[in-house]
Amino acid sequence: MTELPVGDDHQVIRLGDEAAVVVPLDEYRRLRELERRAQLAEQADAEEAEALAEYRAQQDAGTVTAIPQDEVRRRFGLTN
């Protein structure tokens, strides 16, 4: 797409066979930050899915060990 939507005041320039949009530097930085946050969220989602798959595999294999919360607190010295 080489044309911008009606009302968009960004400038379009040509770079060889490609078209590019000129945006203010602050807008570019904001878009980069949004992209970075989206990538971090995707990475967290992938890690969560991997951990869940590993847990389910352990469940299926019968190797999941459950420890009551009171015991965990005692082991970490968090009892009152």
N, C-alpha and C. Protein backbone atom coordinates (compact mmCIF):
# COMPACT_ATOMS: atom_id res chain seq x y z
N MET A 1 0.85 -1.17 0.00
CA MET A 1 0.00 0.00 0.00
C MET A 1 0.90 1.23 0.00
N THR A 2 0.73 2.08 -0.95
CA THR A 2 1.58 3.26 -1.04
C THR A 2 0.83 4.54 -0.65
N GLU A 3 -0.47 4.47 -0.54
CA GLU A 3 -1.23 5.65 -0.17
C GLU A 3 -1.71 5.51 1.26
N LEU A 4 -1.73 6.65 1.95
CA LEU A 4 -2.20 6.65 3.33
C LEU A 4 -3.70 6.89 3.38
N PRO A 5 -4.33 6.49 4.48
CA PRO A 5 -5.77 6.74 4.62
C PRO A 5 -6.08 8.24 4.57
N VAL A 6 -7.28 8.55 4.18
CA VAL A 6 -7.73 9.95 4.11
C VAL A 6 -7.59 10.58 5.49
N GLY A 7 -7.02 11.77 5.52
CA GLY A 7 -6.85 12.48 6.78
C GLY A 7 -5.51 12.24 7.45
N ASP A 8 -4.73 11.27 6.98
CA ASP A 8 -3.41 11.02 7.54
C ASP A 8 -2.44 12.02 6.94
N ASP A 9 -1.78 12.80 7.80
CA ASP A 9 -0.94 13.88 7.29
C ASP A 9 0.55 13.52 7.21
N HIS A 10 0.88 12.25 7.33
CA HIS A 10 2.28 11.84 7.19
C HIS A 10 2.71 11.93 5.73
N GLN A 11 3.98 12.16 5.53
CA GLN A 11 4.52 12.29 4.18
C GLN A 11 5.01 10.92 3.70
N VAL A 12 4.71 10.58 2.47
CA VAL A 12 5.18 9.34 1.86
C VAL A 12 6.33 9.68 0.92
N ILE A 13 7.42 8.91 1.05
CA ILE A 13 8.57 9.11 0.15
C ILE A 13 8.87 7.79 -0.54
N ARG A 14 9.58 7.83 -1.62
CA ARG A 14 9.96 6.63 -2.38
C ARG A 14 11.44 6.36 -2.16
N LEU A 15 11.76 5.11 -1.90
CA LEU A 15 13.13 4.65 -1.75
C LEU A 15 13.30 3.47 -2.72
N GLY A 16 13.74 3.76 -3.91
CA GLY A 16 13.81 2.73 -4.93
C GLY A 16 12.41 2.28 -5.28
N ASP A 17 12.15 0.97 -5.17
CA ASP A 17 10.82 0.43 -5.47
C ASP A 17 9.90 0.45 -4.25
N GLU A 18 10.42 0.86 -3.13
CA GLU A 18 9.64 0.86 -1.89
C GLU A 18 9.10 2.23 -1.56
N ALA A 19 8.00 2.26 -0.83
CA ALA A 19 7.45 3.50 -0.31
C ALA A 19 7.68 3.51 1.20
N ALA A 20 7.96 4.69 1.75
CA ALA A 20 8.19 4.83 3.19
C ALA A 20 7.39 6.01 3.69
N VAL A 21 7.04 5.96 4.98
CA VAL A 21 6.30 7.04 5.62
C VAL A 21 7.25 7.78 6.55
N VAL A 22 7.24 9.08 6.47
CA VAL A 22 8.05 9.92 7.35
C VAL A 22 7.22 10.21 8.60
N VAL A 23 7.76 9.85 9.77
CA VAL A 23 7.05 10.11 11.03
C VAL A 23 7.96 10.90 11.96
N PRO A 24 7.38 11.68 12.86
CA PRO A 24 8.19 12.39 13.84
C PRO A 24 8.96 11.39 14.72
N LEU A 25 10.12 11.81 15.18
CA LEU A 25 10.98 10.93 15.96
C LEU A 25 10.28 10.43 17.23
N ASP A 26 9.54 11.26 17.92
CA ASP A 26 8.83 10.82 19.12
C ASP A 26 7.81 9.72 18.80
N GLU A 27 7.13 9.85 17.68
CA GLU A 27 6.17 8.82 17.27
C GLU A 27 6.89 7.52 16.94
N TYR A 28 8.02 7.61 16.27
CA TYR A 28 8.83 6.43 15.96
C TYR A 28 9.26 5.73 17.25
N ARG A 29 9.75 6.51 18.21
CA ARG A 29 10.18 5.93 19.49
C ARG A 29 9.03 5.25 20.21
N ARG A 30 7.85 5.87 20.18
CA ARG A 30 6.67 5.28 20.83
C ARG A 30 6.30 3.96 20.15
N LEU A 31 6.34 3.95 18.84
CA LEU A 31 6.03 2.71 18.11
C LEU A 31 7.04 1.61 18.41
N ARG A 32 8.31 1.98 18.50
CA ARG A 32 9.35 1.00 18.85
C ARG A 32 9.12 0.43 20.25
N GLU A 33 8.73 1.29 21.19
CA GLU A 33 8.46 0.83 22.56
C GLU A 33 7.26 -0.11 22.59
N LEU A 34 6.23 0.22 21.83
CA LEU A 34 5.07 -0.67 21.75
C LEU A 34 5.46 -2.02 21.16
N GLU A 35 6.30 -2.00 20.15
CA GLU A 35 6.78 -3.25 19.54
C GLU A 35 7.59 -4.07 20.55
N ARG A 36 8.46 -3.39 21.30
CA ARG A 36 9.28 -4.07 22.30
C ARG A 36 8.40 -4.72 23.36
N ARG A 37 7.38 -3.99 23.82
CA ARG A 37 6.48 -4.54 24.84
C ARG A 37 5.70 -5.74 24.29
N ALA A 38 5.28 -5.66 23.04
CA ALA A 38 4.56 -6.77 22.43
C ALA A 38 5.46 -8.00 22.34
N GLN A 39 6.73 -7.80 22.00
CA GLN A 39 7.67 -8.92 21.92
C GLN A 39 7.89 -9.54 23.30
N LEU A 40 7.98 -8.71 24.34
CA LEU A 40 8.15 -9.23 25.69
C LEU A 40 6.92 -10.03 26.12
N ALA A 41 5.74 -9.54 25.76
CA ALA A 41 4.51 -10.26 26.10
C ALA A 41 4.45 -11.60 25.36
N GLU A 42 4.84 -11.61 24.09
CA GLU A 42 4.86 -12.86 23.32
C GLU A 42 5.86 -13.84 23.93
N GLN A 43 7.01 -13.35 24.35
CA GLN A 43 8.02 -14.21 24.96
C GLN A 43 7.49 -14.79 26.28
N ALA A 44 6.85 -13.96 27.10
CA ALA A 44 6.29 -14.44 28.36
C ALA A 44 5.21 -15.48 28.10
N ASP A 45 4.37 -15.25 27.10
CA ASP A 45 3.33 -16.22 26.76
C ASP A 45 3.94 -17.55 26.33
N ALA A 46 5.00 -17.49 25.53
CA ALA A 46 5.67 -18.72 25.07
C ALA A 46 6.29 -19.47 26.24
N GLU A 47 6.92 -18.74 27.16
CA GLU A 47 7.52 -19.37 28.33
C GLU A 47 6.46 -20.01 29.22
N GLU A 48 5.34 -19.33 29.37
CA GLU A 48 4.24 -19.87 30.17
C GLU A 48 3.68 -21.13 29.52
N ALA A 49 3.51 -21.12 28.22
CA ALA A 49 2.99 -22.30 27.52
C ALA A 49 3.97 -23.47 27.65
N GLU A 50 5.26 -23.17 27.57
CA GLU A 50 6.28 -24.22 27.71
C GLU A 50 6.25 -24.81 29.11
N ALA A 51 6.14 -23.95 30.13
CA ALA A 51 6.09 -24.44 31.52
C ALA A 51 4.84 -25.27 31.75
N LEU A 52 3.72 -24.84 31.20
CA LEU A 52 2.48 -25.60 31.36
C LEU A 52 2.58 -26.95 30.67
N ALA A 53 3.17 -26.98 29.48
CA ALA A 53 3.34 -28.25 28.77
C ALA A 53 4.25 -29.19 29.55
N GLU A 54 5.31 -28.65 30.15
CA GLU A 54 6.22 -29.46 30.96
C GLU A 54 5.50 -30.01 32.19
N TYR A 55 4.71 -29.16 32.84
CA TYR A 55 3.94 -29.60 34.01
C TYR A 55 2.96 -30.71 33.64
N ARG A 56 2.26 -30.53 32.52
CA ARG A 56 1.29 -31.55 32.10
C ARG A 56 1.99 -32.86 31.74
N ALA A 57 3.16 -32.78 31.16
CA ALA A 57 3.93 -33.99 30.85
C ALA A 57 4.34 -34.69 32.14
N GLN A 58 4.73 -33.92 33.14
CA GLN A 58 5.09 -34.51 34.43
C GLN A 58 3.86 -35.11 35.10
N GLN A 59 2.72 -34.43 34.96
CA GLN A 59 1.46 -34.96 35.49
C GLN A 59 1.14 -36.31 34.85
N ASP A 60 1.24 -36.37 33.52
CA ASP A 60 0.95 -37.60 32.79
C ASP A 60 1.90 -38.72 33.19
N ALA A 61 3.16 -38.35 33.48
CA ALA A 61 4.16 -39.35 33.87
C ALA A 61 4.03 -39.72 35.35
N GLY A 62 3.19 -38.99 36.09
CA GLY A 62 3.01 -39.28 37.52
C GLY A 62 4.18 -38.82 38.38
N THR A 63 4.93 -37.84 37.92
CA THR A 63 6.10 -37.38 38.68
C THR A 63 5.90 -36.02 39.35
N VAL A 64 4.66 -35.51 39.37
CA VAL A 64 4.39 -34.24 40.01
C VAL A 64 4.31 -34.46 41.52
N THR A 65 5.04 -33.63 42.25
CA THR A 65 5.02 -33.71 43.71
C THR A 65 4.34 -32.47 44.26
N ALA A 66 3.40 -32.66 45.14
CA ALA A 66 2.71 -31.54 45.75
C ALA A 66 3.18 -31.41 47.20
N ILE A 67 3.44 -30.17 47.59
CA ILE A 67 3.85 -29.89 48.96
C ILE A 67 2.86 -28.88 49.52
N PRO A 68 2.26 -29.18 50.68
CA PRO A 68 1.29 -28.26 51.26
C PRO A 68 1.91 -26.88 51.53
N GLN A 69 1.10 -25.84 51.44
CA GLN A 69 1.57 -24.48 51.61
C GLN A 69 2.25 -24.28 52.96
N ASP A 70 1.69 -24.86 54.02
CA ASP A 70 2.29 -24.71 55.35
C ASP A 70 3.71 -25.25 55.37
N GLU A 71 3.96 -26.36 54.68
CA GLU A 71 5.30 -26.95 54.63
C GLU A 71 6.26 -26.06 53.83
N VAL A 72 5.77 -25.51 52.74
CA VAL A 72 6.61 -24.60 51.94
C VAL A 72 7.00 -23.40 52.78
N ARG A 73 6.04 -22.82 53.48
CA ARG A 73 6.32 -21.66 54.33
C ARG A 73 7.34 -22.02 55.41
N ARG A 74 7.19 -23.20 56.01
CA ARG A 74 8.14 -23.64 57.04
C ARG A 74 9.54 -23.78 56.47
N ARG A 75 9.65 -24.39 55.28
CA ARG A 75 10.96 -24.59 54.66
C ARG A 75 11.66 -23.28 54.33
N PHE A 76 10.88 -22.27 53.97
CA PHE A 76 11.46 -20.97 53.62
C PHE A 76 11.53 -20.02 54.84
N GLY A 77 11.20 -20.54 56.00
CA GLY A 77 11.26 -19.73 57.20
C GLY A 77 10.23 -18.63 57.26
N LEU A 78 9.08 -18.88 56.68
CA LEU A 78 8.04 -17.84 56.62
C LEU A 78 6.92 -18.08 57.62
N THR A 79 7.14 -18.99 58.56
CA THR A 79 6.10 -19.26 59.56
C THR A 79 6.14 -18.18 60.63
N ASN A 80 4.99 -17.92 61.20
CA ASN A 80 4.89 -16.89 62.25
C ASN A 80 5.09 -17.48 63.61
